[in-house]
Amino acid sequence: MERPLPIEARERPTREQIAALPVYPALPPSQIHLLDSAARCAFAQRLLSEAGHVGFDTESKPVFAAGAPQTGPDIVQFATREHAFIVPTAAPGVADFLRAVIESDAIVKVGFGLASDRPQLQRRLGLRLGLSIDLSHLLRQRLGFKQAVGLKVAVALVLHQQLPKSRKVTTSNWASPQLSPRQLQYAANDAHASLQIYHALAG
């Protein structure tokens, strides 16, 4: 049985209201793992399988030219409550891991905006997104909003926290062979916060 949303106001918070909230307690760097080889994937797959429900998101190199095709996702990220796993899709040896987790119906992927992830995963990687929960639509229905709810607003409404979102990092090169610490933290936050929201809603 789902418990009521831990929020008081059923209205979208303003930018000022979000800025006044405590900062989201992000995972430390030691618990954020870059999976850039097959050897690093076994540990991640075991933990994700044990978790059952995992935070999920993707990142793509931004396209600035009008009409230019989207080439992502360049990064796929997963999270348990204690760990985040960042997977560059072009890294050698990660294809089997991505297929096993993304197409699994036993590992439930929870995240925001999954409708846009599905075709990108199919086009770029040839993968079908298995059992998943799109929290943006779930929250919209719960709150009676006309539009889907994004992650930053959801963190404010459900967790009463602010999730920092640097535009510089958002629009950075996610296809870079050397991801920066800020990129890794950003990617981890998106997946981890999605999972925390799911657990807050599900009780």
N, C-alpha and C. Protein backbone atom coordinates (compact mmCIF):
# COMPACT_ATOMS: atom_id res chain seq x y z
N MET A 1 0.84 -1.20 0.00
CA MET A 1 0.00 0.00 0.00
C MET A 1 0.88 1.25 0.00
N GLU A 2 0.60 2.18 -0.91
CA GLU A 2 1.40 3.38 -1.02
C GLU A 2 1.01 4.38 0.06
N ARG A 3 1.99 5.02 0.66
CA ARG A 3 1.70 6.03 1.67
C ARG A 3 1.50 7.39 0.98
N PRO A 4 0.83 8.33 1.62
CA PRO A 4 0.60 9.64 1.00
C PRO A 4 1.92 10.35 0.69
N LEU A 5 1.90 11.20 -0.29
CA LEU A 5 3.08 11.97 -0.63
C LEU A 5 3.52 12.81 0.58
N PRO A 6 4.83 12.79 0.90
CA PRO A 6 5.32 13.58 2.03
C PRO A 6 5.50 15.04 1.64
N ILE A 7 4.45 15.66 1.14
CA ILE A 7 4.50 17.06 0.77
C ILE A 7 3.25 17.74 1.30
N GLU A 8 3.35 19.02 1.54
CA GLU A 8 2.24 19.76 2.09
C GLU A 8 1.50 20.55 1.02
N ALA A 9 2.24 21.26 0.18
CA ALA A 9 1.62 22.07 -0.86
C ALA A 9 1.54 21.28 -2.16
N ARG A 10 0.37 21.23 -2.77
CA ARG A 10 0.21 20.52 -4.02
C ARG A 10 0.37 21.47 -5.21
N GLU A 11 1.32 22.40 -5.11
CA GLU A 11 1.62 23.33 -6.18
C GLU A 11 3.11 23.25 -6.49
N ARG A 12 3.45 23.59 -7.73
CA ARG A 12 4.86 23.60 -8.10
C ARG A 12 5.61 24.66 -7.29
N PRO A 13 6.72 24.29 -6.67
CA PRO A 13 7.49 25.28 -5.91
C PRO A 13 8.18 26.27 -6.85
N THR A 14 8.37 27.47 -6.38
CA THR A 14 9.09 28.47 -7.16
C THR A 14 10.59 28.21 -7.07
N ARG A 15 11.33 28.88 -7.93
CA ARG A 15 12.79 28.75 -7.90
C ARG A 15 13.33 29.21 -6.55
N GLU A 16 12.76 30.24 -6.00
CA GLU A 16 13.21 30.76 -4.70
C GLU A 16 12.91 29.76 -3.58
N GLN A 17 11.75 29.12 -3.65
CA GLN A 17 11.40 28.14 -2.62
C GLN A 17 12.33 26.94 -2.67
N ILE A 18 12.68 26.50 -3.88
CA ILE A 18 13.61 25.38 -4.02
C ILE A 18 14.99 25.75 -3.48
N ALA A 19 15.44 26.96 -3.78
CA ALA A 19 16.77 27.40 -3.35
C ALA A 19 16.89 27.48 -1.83
N ALA A 20 15.77 27.62 -1.14
CA ALA A 20 15.79 27.72 0.32
C ALA A 20 15.85 26.36 1.01
N LEU A 21 15.69 25.28 0.25
CA LEU A 21 15.68 23.94 0.82
C LEU A 21 17.11 23.43 1.05
N PRO A 22 17.28 22.48 1.97
CA PRO A 22 18.61 21.90 2.16
C PRO A 22 19.05 21.13 0.92
N VAL A 23 20.35 21.08 0.69
CA VAL A 23 20.90 20.44 -0.50
C VAL A 23 20.76 18.92 -0.40
N TYR A 24 20.45 18.31 -1.53
CA TYR A 24 20.31 16.85 -1.61
C TYR A 24 21.60 16.17 -1.15
N PRO A 25 21.51 15.18 -0.26
CA PRO A 25 22.71 14.48 0.23
C PRO A 25 23.21 13.48 -0.80
N ALA A 26 24.09 13.92 -1.65
CA ALA A 26 24.58 13.10 -2.76
C ALA A 26 25.49 11.97 -2.28
N LEU A 27 25.60 10.95 -3.11
CA LEU A 27 26.54 9.87 -2.83
C LEU A 27 27.96 10.42 -2.88
N PRO A 28 28.84 9.94 -2.00
CA PRO A 28 30.25 10.37 -2.06
C PRO A 28 30.93 9.75 -3.28
N PRO A 29 32.02 10.38 -3.77
CA PRO A 29 32.72 9.85 -4.94
C PRO A 29 33.15 8.40 -4.81
N SER A 30 33.45 7.95 -3.61
CA SER A 30 33.90 6.56 -3.42
C SER A 30 32.80 5.55 -3.74
N GLN A 31 31.54 6.01 -3.79
CA GLN A 31 30.43 5.11 -4.09
C GLN A 31 29.84 5.35 -5.48
N ILE A 32 30.59 6.09 -6.29
CA ILE A 32 30.22 6.31 -7.68
C ILE A 32 31.24 5.59 -8.56
N HIS A 33 30.78 4.63 -9.33
CA HIS A 33 31.67 3.74 -10.05
C HIS A 33 31.54 3.94 -11.56
N LEU A 34 32.66 4.17 -12.21
CA LEU A 34 32.70 4.29 -13.67
C LEU A 34 32.95 2.90 -14.24
N LEU A 35 31.99 2.40 -15.01
CA LEU A 35 32.11 1.06 -15.59
C LEU A 35 32.56 1.21 -17.05
N ASP A 36 33.86 1.16 -17.25
CA ASP A 36 34.40 1.35 -18.59
C ASP A 36 35.11 0.11 -19.13
N SER A 37 34.81 -1.04 -18.52
CA SER A 37 35.35 -2.31 -19.01
C SER A 37 34.47 -3.44 -18.51
N ALA A 38 34.55 -4.59 -19.19
CA ALA A 38 33.73 -5.74 -18.80
C ALA A 38 34.07 -6.21 -17.39
N ALA A 39 35.32 -6.08 -16.99
CA ALA A 39 35.75 -6.56 -15.68
C ALA A 39 35.06 -5.83 -14.54
N ARG A 40 34.65 -4.59 -14.77
CA ARG A 40 34.02 -3.80 -13.71
C ARG A 40 32.51 -3.98 -13.64
N CYS A 41 31.95 -4.73 -14.58
CA CYS A 41 30.50 -4.82 -14.67
C CYS A 41 29.88 -5.90 -13.80
N ALA A 42 30.64 -6.96 -13.48
CA ALA A 42 30.07 -8.08 -12.72
C ALA A 42 29.58 -7.64 -11.35
N PHE A 43 30.40 -6.84 -10.66
CA PHE A 43 30.03 -6.34 -9.34
C PHE A 43 28.76 -5.51 -9.41
N ALA A 44 28.69 -4.64 -10.42
CA ALA A 44 27.52 -3.78 -10.58
C ALA A 44 26.27 -4.59 -10.89
N GLN A 45 26.38 -5.57 -11.77
CA GLN A 45 25.21 -6.36 -12.14
C GLN A 45 24.66 -7.14 -10.95
N ARG A 46 25.55 -7.62 -10.09
CA ARG A 46 25.10 -8.35 -8.90
C ARG A 46 24.31 -7.44 -7.97
N LEU A 47 24.84 -6.26 -7.70
CA LEU A 47 24.16 -5.33 -6.79
C LEU A 47 22.84 -4.83 -7.37
N LEU A 48 22.80 -4.57 -8.66
CA LEU A 48 21.57 -4.11 -9.29
C LEU A 48 20.51 -5.20 -9.27
N SER A 49 20.92 -6.44 -9.49
CA SER A 49 19.97 -7.56 -9.46
C SER A 49 19.41 -7.75 -8.06
N GLU A 50 20.25 -7.59 -7.05
CA GLU A 50 19.80 -7.74 -5.67
C GLU A 50 18.86 -6.61 -5.26
N ALA A 51 19.05 -5.43 -5.83
CA ALA A 51 18.23 -4.27 -5.44
C ALA A 51 16.80 -4.38 -5.93
N GLY A 52 16.59 -4.98 -7.09
CA GLY A 52 15.23 -5.12 -7.63
C GLY A 52 14.76 -3.87 -8.35
N HIS A 53 14.66 -2.75 -7.63
CA HIS A 53 14.32 -1.45 -8.22
C HIS A 53 15.58 -0.58 -8.19
N VAL A 54 15.90 0.03 -9.33
CA VAL A 54 17.12 0.82 -9.42
C VAL A 54 16.83 2.16 -10.09
N GLY A 55 17.55 3.19 -9.66
CA GLY A 55 17.45 4.48 -10.33
C GLY A 55 18.07 4.38 -11.71
N PHE A 56 17.51 5.12 -12.66
CA PHE A 56 17.94 4.98 -14.05
C PHE A 56 17.85 6.33 -14.76
N ASP A 57 18.85 6.60 -15.60
CA ASP A 57 18.82 7.80 -16.43
C ASP A 57 19.86 7.65 -17.53
N THR A 58 19.83 8.55 -18.49
CA THR A 58 20.83 8.58 -19.56
C THR A 58 21.27 10.02 -19.77
N GLU A 59 22.45 10.18 -20.35
CA GLU A 59 22.96 11.50 -20.73
C GLU A 59 23.47 11.42 -22.17
N SER A 60 23.27 12.51 -22.91
CA SER A 60 23.70 12.56 -24.30
C SER A 60 24.47 13.84 -24.57
N LYS A 61 25.44 13.74 -25.46
CA LYS A 61 26.17 14.92 -25.90
C LYS A 61 25.17 15.91 -26.50
N PRO A 62 25.17 17.15 -26.05
CA PRO A 62 24.17 18.10 -26.55
C PRO A 62 24.36 18.42 -28.03
N VAL A 63 23.25 18.68 -28.69
CA VAL A 63 23.25 19.07 -30.10
C VAL A 63 22.84 20.53 -30.17
N PHE A 64 23.71 21.38 -30.68
CA PHE A 64 23.45 22.81 -30.70
C PHE A 64 22.95 23.31 -32.06
N ALA A 65 23.20 22.55 -33.13
CA ALA A 65 22.78 22.96 -34.46
C ALA A 65 21.33 22.52 -34.71
N ALA A 66 20.52 23.43 -35.20
CA ALA A 66 19.12 23.13 -35.48
C ALA A 66 19.01 22.01 -36.51
N GLY A 67 18.21 21.00 -36.18
CA GLY A 67 17.98 19.90 -37.10
C GLY A 67 19.04 18.82 -37.06
N ALA A 68 20.09 19.01 -36.29
CA ALA A 68 21.14 18.00 -36.20
C ALA A 68 20.61 16.77 -35.45
N PRO A 69 20.98 15.57 -35.90
CA PRO A 69 20.45 14.36 -35.24
C PRO A 69 21.03 14.14 -33.86
N GLN A 70 20.23 13.58 -32.99
CA GLN A 70 20.67 13.22 -31.65
C GLN A 70 21.44 11.91 -31.75
N THR A 71 22.64 11.86 -31.17
CA THR A 71 23.48 10.67 -31.30
C THR A 71 23.56 9.85 -30.02
N GLY A 72 22.94 10.33 -28.94
CA GLY A 72 23.03 9.63 -27.65
C GLY A 72 22.10 8.44 -27.58
N PRO A 73 22.07 7.75 -26.43
CA PRO A 73 22.75 8.16 -25.19
C PRO A 73 24.24 7.81 -25.20
N ASP A 74 25.03 8.68 -24.62
CA ASP A 74 26.46 8.45 -24.49
C ASP A 74 26.81 7.88 -23.12
N ILE A 75 25.93 8.13 -22.15
CA ILE A 75 26.11 7.62 -20.80
C ILE A 75 24.79 7.02 -20.34
N VAL A 76 24.87 5.86 -19.68
CA VAL A 76 23.72 5.28 -19.00
C VAL A 76 24.11 5.14 -17.54
N GLN A 77 23.23 5.57 -16.64
CA GLN A 77 23.55 5.47 -15.23
C GLN A 77 22.46 4.72 -14.46
N PHE A 78 22.91 3.93 -13.50
CA PHE A 78 22.03 3.16 -12.61
C PHE A 78 22.43 3.47 -11.18
N ALA A 79 21.48 3.28 -10.25
CA ALA A 79 21.82 3.51 -8.84
C ALA A 79 21.03 2.58 -7.94
N THR A 80 21.71 2.09 -6.91
CA THR A 80 21.05 1.49 -5.77
C THR A 80 21.04 2.56 -4.69
N ARG A 81 20.60 2.21 -3.49
CA ARG A 81 20.61 3.23 -2.42
C ARG A 81 22.02 3.59 -2.00
N GLU A 82 22.99 2.68 -2.19
CA GLU A 82 24.35 2.92 -1.71
C GLU A 82 25.37 3.18 -2.81
N HIS A 83 25.04 2.88 -4.06
CA HIS A 83 26.03 2.98 -5.13
C HIS A 83 25.39 3.53 -6.40
N ALA A 84 26.23 4.19 -7.21
CA ALA A 84 25.82 4.60 -8.55
C ALA A 84 26.83 4.05 -9.55
N PHE A 85 26.35 3.65 -10.72
CA PHE A 85 27.19 3.07 -11.75
C PHE A 85 27.01 3.87 -13.04
N ILE A 86 28.10 4.44 -13.53
CA ILE A 86 28.08 5.29 -14.72
C ILE A 86 28.73 4.50 -15.85
N VAL A 87 27.98 4.32 -16.95
CA VAL A 87 28.43 3.45 -18.03
C VAL A 87 28.51 4.22 -19.35
N PRO A 88 29.72 4.50 -19.85
CA PRO A 88 29.84 5.08 -21.18
C PRO A 88 29.45 4.02 -22.22
N THR A 89 28.50 4.35 -23.07
CA THR A 89 27.98 3.34 -24.00
C THR A 89 29.01 2.91 -25.04
N ALA A 90 30.03 3.72 -25.27
CA ALA A 90 31.05 3.36 -26.26
C ALA A 90 32.21 2.59 -25.64
N ALA A 91 32.19 2.37 -24.33
CA ALA A 91 33.29 1.66 -23.67
C ALA A 91 33.33 0.20 -24.12
N PRO A 92 34.50 -0.37 -24.28
CA PRO A 92 34.60 -1.77 -24.71
C PRO A 92 34.12 -2.71 -23.62
N GLY A 93 33.38 -3.72 -24.01
CA GLY A 93 33.00 -4.78 -23.08
C GLY A 93 31.79 -4.53 -22.23
N VAL A 94 31.06 -3.41 -22.44
CA VAL A 94 29.91 -3.12 -21.59
C VAL A 94 28.58 -3.48 -22.24
N ALA A 95 28.60 -3.89 -23.48
CA ALA A 95 27.35 -4.14 -24.22
C ALA A 95 26.50 -5.22 -23.57
N ASP A 96 27.12 -6.33 -23.16
CA ASP A 96 26.35 -7.42 -22.55
C ASP A 96 25.74 -6.98 -21.22
N PHE A 97 26.49 -6.20 -20.44
CA PHE A 97 25.99 -5.71 -19.17
C PHE A 97 24.78 -4.80 -19.40
N LEU A 98 24.90 -3.86 -20.32
CA LEU A 98 23.80 -2.95 -20.60
C LEU A 98 22.56 -3.70 -21.06
N ARG A 99 22.75 -4.67 -21.91
CA ARG A 99 21.61 -5.45 -22.38
C ARG A 99 20.94 -6.20 -21.22
N ALA A 100 21.75 -6.82 -20.38
CA ALA A 100 21.22 -7.62 -19.28
C ALA A 100 20.40 -6.77 -18.32
N VAL A 101 20.85 -5.55 -18.03
CA VAL A 101 20.17 -4.71 -17.06
C VAL A 101 19.01 -3.94 -17.69
N ILE A 102 19.26 -3.31 -18.83
CA ILE A 102 18.24 -2.47 -19.45
C ILE A 102 17.04 -3.30 -19.91
N GLU A 103 17.26 -4.46 -20.49
CA GLU A 103 16.16 -5.26 -21.01
C GLU A 103 15.52 -6.16 -19.95
N SER A 104 16.10 -6.21 -18.77
CA SER A 104 15.57 -7.06 -17.71
C SER A 104 14.20 -6.59 -17.23
N ASP A 105 13.32 -7.54 -16.98
CA ASP A 105 12.04 -7.25 -16.33
C ASP A 105 12.12 -7.55 -14.83
N ALA A 106 13.22 -8.14 -14.39
CA ALA A 106 13.42 -8.41 -12.97
C ALA A 106 14.07 -7.22 -12.26
N ILE A 107 14.84 -6.44 -13.02
CA ILE A 107 15.43 -5.22 -12.49
C ILE A 107 14.57 -4.06 -12.99
N VAL A 108 13.79 -3.48 -12.10
CA VAL A 108 12.84 -2.42 -12.49
C VAL A 108 13.56 -1.08 -12.49
N LYS A 109 13.59 -0.44 -13.65
CA LYS A 109 14.24 0.87 -13.79
C LYS A 109 13.25 1.98 -13.45
N VAL A 110 13.63 2.87 -12.54
CA VAL A 110 12.76 3.98 -12.17
C VAL A 110 13.47 5.28 -12.48
N GLY A 111 12.76 6.21 -13.14
CA GLY A 111 13.40 7.45 -13.52
C GLY A 111 12.39 8.45 -14.06
N PHE A 112 12.90 9.50 -14.66
CA PHE A 112 12.07 10.58 -15.18
C PHE A 112 12.28 10.72 -16.69
N GLY A 113 11.18 10.97 -17.40
CA GLY A 113 11.28 11.17 -18.85
C GLY A 113 11.70 9.94 -19.62
N LEU A 114 11.24 8.79 -19.19
CA LEU A 114 11.66 7.55 -19.85
C LEU A 114 11.12 7.42 -21.27
N ALA A 115 10.07 8.15 -21.58
CA ALA A 115 9.51 8.07 -22.93
C ALA A 115 10.53 8.53 -23.97
N SER A 116 11.38 9.47 -23.60
CA SER A 116 12.41 9.93 -24.54
C SER A 116 13.62 9.01 -24.55
N ASP A 117 13.83 8.25 -23.47
CA ASP A 117 14.95 7.32 -23.42
C ASP A 117 14.71 6.09 -24.28
N ARG A 118 13.48 5.62 -24.35
CA ARG A 118 13.18 4.38 -25.06
C ARG A 118 13.66 4.39 -26.51
N PRO A 119 13.24 5.37 -27.32
CA PRO A 119 13.67 5.34 -28.72
C PRO A 119 15.17 5.55 -28.89
N GLN A 120 15.79 6.31 -27.99
CA GLN A 120 17.23 6.51 -28.09
C GLN A 120 17.99 5.22 -27.79
N LEU A 121 17.54 4.50 -26.79
CA LEU A 121 18.18 3.23 -26.48
C LEU A 121 18.03 2.23 -27.63
N GLN A 122 16.87 2.24 -28.25
CA GLN A 122 16.63 1.33 -29.37
C GLN A 122 17.48 1.73 -30.57
N ARG A 123 17.51 3.02 -30.87
CA ARG A 123 18.23 3.49 -32.05
C ARG A 123 19.75 3.35 -31.89
N ARG A 124 20.28 3.77 -30.76
CA ARG A 124 21.73 3.79 -30.58
C ARG A 124 22.29 2.43 -30.19
N LEU A 125 21.58 1.72 -29.33
CA LEU A 125 22.13 0.48 -28.77
C LEU A 125 21.37 -0.77 -29.18
N GLY A 126 20.22 -0.60 -29.82
CA GLY A 126 19.41 -1.75 -30.19
C GLY A 126 18.82 -2.46 -28.99
N LEU A 127 18.51 -1.69 -27.93
CA LEU A 127 18.01 -2.28 -26.69
C LEU A 127 16.57 -1.87 -26.42
N ARG A 128 15.82 -2.82 -25.88
CA ARG A 128 14.44 -2.57 -25.46
C ARG A 128 14.45 -2.29 -23.96
N LEU A 129 13.86 -1.17 -23.56
CA LEU A 129 13.78 -0.88 -22.14
C LEU A 129 12.78 -1.80 -21.49
N GLY A 130 13.27 -2.64 -20.56
CA GLY A 130 12.41 -3.59 -19.88
C GLY A 130 11.52 -2.90 -18.86
N LEU A 131 11.05 -3.67 -17.88
CA LEU A 131 10.10 -3.16 -16.90
C LEU A 131 10.64 -1.88 -16.26
N SER A 132 9.82 -0.83 -16.26
CA SER A 132 10.27 0.48 -15.79
C SER A 132 9.09 1.28 -15.26
N ILE A 133 9.40 2.31 -14.49
CA ILE A 133 8.39 3.21 -13.92
C ILE A 133 8.81 4.63 -14.21
N ASP A 134 7.98 5.37 -14.94
CA ASP A 134 8.26 6.77 -15.24
C ASP A 134 7.65 7.63 -14.13
N LEU A 135 8.49 8.12 -13.25
CA LEU A 135 8.03 8.87 -12.09
C LEU A 135 7.46 10.23 -12.46
N SER A 136 7.85 10.79 -13.59
CA SER A 136 7.34 12.10 -13.98
C SER A 136 5.84 12.05 -14.21
N HIS A 137 5.35 10.98 -14.82
CA HIS A 137 3.92 10.85 -15.06
C HIS A 137 3.18 10.41 -13.80
N LEU A 138 3.83 9.57 -13.00
CA LEU A 138 3.21 9.13 -11.75
C LEU A 138 2.95 10.32 -10.83
N LEU A 139 3.93 11.19 -10.70
CA LEU A 139 3.77 12.36 -9.85
C LEU A 139 2.74 13.33 -10.42
N ARG A 140 2.73 13.49 -11.72
CA ARG A 140 1.75 14.40 -12.33
C ARG A 140 0.34 13.94 -12.02
N GLN A 141 0.11 12.65 -12.10
CA GLN A 141 -1.22 12.11 -11.81
C GLN A 141 -1.56 12.28 -10.33
N ARG A 142 -0.60 12.03 -9.46
CA ARG A 142 -0.85 12.13 -8.02
C ARG A 142 -1.19 13.55 -7.60
N LEU A 143 -0.51 14.51 -8.24
CA LEU A 143 -0.65 15.90 -7.83
C LEU A 143 -1.67 16.68 -8.65
N GLY A 144 -2.14 16.09 -9.73
CA GLY A 144 -3.11 16.77 -10.55
C GLY A 144 -2.52 17.86 -11.42
N PHE A 145 -1.22 17.80 -11.68
CA PHE A 145 -0.59 18.79 -12.55
C PHE A 145 -0.93 18.51 -14.01
N LYS A 146 -0.94 19.55 -14.82
CA LYS A 146 -1.23 19.38 -16.25
C LYS A 146 -0.01 18.86 -17.01
N GLN A 147 1.18 19.16 -16.52
CA GLN A 147 2.40 18.74 -17.19
C GLN A 147 3.19 17.79 -16.31
N ALA A 148 4.04 17.00 -16.96
CA ALA A 148 4.88 16.05 -16.23
C ALA A 148 5.83 16.80 -15.29
N VAL A 149 6.21 16.15 -14.23
CA VAL A 149 7.09 16.74 -13.21
C VAL A 149 8.52 16.27 -13.46
N GLY A 150 9.45 17.21 -13.50
CA GLY A 150 10.86 16.87 -13.66
C GLY A 150 11.53 16.51 -12.35
N LEU A 151 12.76 16.04 -12.46
CA LEU A 151 13.46 15.53 -11.29
C LEU A 151 13.71 16.62 -10.24
N LYS A 152 14.13 17.79 -10.65
CA LYS A 152 14.46 18.83 -9.69
C LYS A 152 13.24 19.24 -8.87
N VAL A 153 12.11 19.42 -9.54
CA VAL A 153 10.87 19.76 -8.84
C VAL A 153 10.42 18.61 -7.96
N ALA A 154 10.57 17.39 -8.45
CA ALA A 154 10.16 16.22 -7.67
C ALA A 154 10.97 16.09 -6.39
N VAL A 155 12.26 16.35 -6.46
CA VAL A 155 13.10 16.29 -5.25
C VAL A 155 12.61 17.31 -4.23
N ALA A 156 12.24 18.48 -4.69
CA ALA A 156 11.73 19.52 -3.79
C ALA A 156 10.40 19.11 -3.18
N LEU A 157 9.50 18.58 -3.99
CA LEU A 157 8.15 18.24 -3.52
C LEU A 157 8.15 17.02 -2.60
N VAL A 158 8.88 16.01 -2.99
CA VAL A 158 8.81 14.73 -2.27
C VAL A 158 9.83 14.62 -1.15
N LEU A 159 11.07 15.07 -1.41
CA LEU A 159 12.13 14.92 -0.43
C LEU A 159 12.41 16.20 0.35
N HIS A 160 11.78 17.31 -0.04
CA HIS A 160 12.01 18.61 0.61
C HIS A 160 13.48 18.99 0.57
N GLN A 161 14.10 18.79 -0.59
CA GLN A 161 15.52 19.11 -0.77
C GLN A 161 15.71 19.76 -2.14
N GLN A 162 16.84 20.42 -2.31
CA GLN A 162 17.17 21.00 -3.61
C GLN A 162 18.27 20.18 -4.26
N LEU A 163 18.04 19.82 -5.51
CA LEU A 163 19.03 19.06 -6.28
C LEU A 163 19.77 20.03 -7.19
N PRO A 164 21.04 20.32 -6.91
CA PRO A 164 21.79 21.25 -7.76
C PRO A 164 21.86 20.75 -9.19
N LYS A 165 21.63 21.65 -10.14
CA LYS A 165 21.66 21.31 -11.57
C LYS A 165 22.46 22.39 -12.30
N SER A 166 23.73 22.15 -12.48
CA SER A 166 24.58 23.10 -13.18
C SER A 166 24.34 23.01 -14.68
N ARG A 167 23.97 24.13 -15.30
CA ARG A 167 23.75 24.13 -16.75
C ARG A 167 25.05 23.81 -17.49
N LYS A 168 26.17 24.24 -16.93
CA LYS A 168 27.46 23.96 -17.56
C LYS A 168 27.71 22.45 -17.65
N VAL A 169 27.35 21.73 -16.59
CA VAL A 169 27.53 20.28 -16.61
C VAL A 169 26.46 19.63 -17.47
N THR A 170 25.23 20.12 -17.37
CA THR A 170 24.14 19.56 -18.17
C THR A 170 24.48 19.56 -19.65
N THR A 171 25.06 20.64 -20.13
CA THR A 171 25.36 20.78 -21.55
C THR A 171 26.80 20.44 -21.89
N SER A 172 27.47 19.71 -21.02
CA SER A 172 28.86 19.32 -21.27
C SER A 172 28.92 18.15 -22.24
N ASN A 173 30.12 17.79 -22.64
CA ASN A 173 30.31 16.72 -23.62
C ASN A 173 30.27 15.35 -22.93
N TRP A 174 29.12 14.71 -23.00
CA TRP A 174 28.96 13.41 -22.36
C TRP A 174 29.58 12.29 -23.15
N ALA A 175 30.05 12.59 -24.38
CA ALA A 175 30.74 11.58 -25.18
C ALA A 175 32.25 11.62 -24.96
N SER A 176 32.70 12.49 -24.08
CA SER A 176 34.13 12.62 -23.82
C SER A 176 34.70 11.31 -23.27
N PRO A 177 35.87 10.89 -23.74
CA PRO A 177 36.48 9.66 -23.21
C PRO A 177 36.96 9.81 -21.77
N GLN A 178 37.04 11.05 -21.29
CA GLN A 178 37.47 11.30 -19.91
C GLN A 178 36.43 12.15 -19.21
N LEU A 179 35.50 11.53 -18.52
CA LEU A 179 34.46 12.26 -17.81
C LEU A 179 35.04 12.93 -16.57
N SER A 180 34.60 14.15 -16.31
CA SER A 180 35.11 14.89 -15.16
C SER A 180 34.41 14.43 -13.88
N PRO A 181 35.01 14.70 -12.72
CA PRO A 181 34.34 14.38 -11.45
C PRO A 181 32.96 15.02 -11.35
N ARG A 182 32.80 16.24 -11.86
CA ARG A 182 31.50 16.91 -11.81
C ARG A 182 30.47 16.19 -12.69
N GLN A 183 30.90 15.68 -13.83
CA GLN A 183 29.99 14.92 -14.67
C GLN A 183 29.56 13.62 -13.99
N LEU A 184 30.51 12.94 -13.38
CA LEU A 184 30.19 11.69 -12.69
C LEU A 184 29.22 11.93 -11.54
N GLN A 185 29.43 13.01 -10.77
CA GLN A 185 28.54 13.32 -9.66
C GLN A 185 27.15 13.68 -10.16
N TYR A 186 27.07 14.47 -11.21
CA TYR A 186 25.80 14.88 -11.79
C TYR A 186 25.01 13.66 -12.26
N ALA A 187 25.68 12.78 -12.99
CA ALA A 187 25.02 11.59 -13.51
C ALA A 187 24.55 10.69 -12.37
N ALA A 188 25.39 10.54 -11.36
CA ALA A 188 25.02 9.73 -10.21
C ALA A 188 23.82 10.31 -9.48
N ASN A 189 23.81 11.63 -9.30
CA ASN A 189 22.70 12.28 -8.60
C ASN A 189 21.37 12.01 -9.28
N ASP A 190 21.35 12.10 -10.60
CA ASP A 190 20.09 11.92 -11.33
C ASP A 190 19.50 10.54 -11.09
N ALA A 191 20.33 9.51 -11.16
CA ALA A 191 19.82 8.16 -10.96
C ALA A 191 19.49 7.91 -9.49
N HIS A 192 20.36 8.36 -8.59
CA HIS A 192 20.17 8.11 -7.17
C HIS A 192 18.94 8.84 -6.63
N ALA A 193 18.77 10.10 -7.02
CA ALA A 193 17.61 10.86 -6.55
C ALA A 193 16.31 10.26 -7.06
N SER A 194 16.31 9.75 -8.27
CA SER A 194 15.11 9.08 -8.80
C SER A 194 14.72 7.90 -7.94
N LEU A 195 15.71 7.12 -7.53
CA LEU A 195 15.42 5.96 -6.68
C LEU A 195 14.92 6.39 -5.31
N GLN A 196 15.51 7.43 -4.74
CA GLN A 196 15.07 7.91 -3.43
C GLN A 196 13.62 8.40 -3.49
N ILE A 197 13.25 9.04 -4.57
CA ILE A 197 11.87 9.49 -4.73
C ILE A 197 10.94 8.30 -4.83
N TYR A 198 11.34 7.29 -5.59
CA TYR A 198 10.51 6.10 -5.71
C TYR A 198 10.25 5.47 -4.34
N HIS A 199 11.31 5.31 -3.55
CA HIS A 199 11.14 4.68 -2.24
C HIS A 199 10.29 5.55 -1.31
N ALA A 200 10.40 6.87 -1.44
CA ALA A 200 9.57 7.75 -0.61
C ALA A 200 8.10 7.60 -0.98
N LEU A 201 7.83 7.38 -2.25
CA LEU A 201 6.43 7.23 -2.69
C LEU A 201 5.87 5.85 -2.36
N ALA A 202 6.72 4.84 -2.49
CA ALA A 202 6.27 3.47 -2.29
C ALA A 202 6.24 3.05 -0.84
N GLY A 203 6.97 3.80 -0.02
CA GLY A 203 7.04 3.44 1.40
C GLY A 203 7.92 2.25 1.63
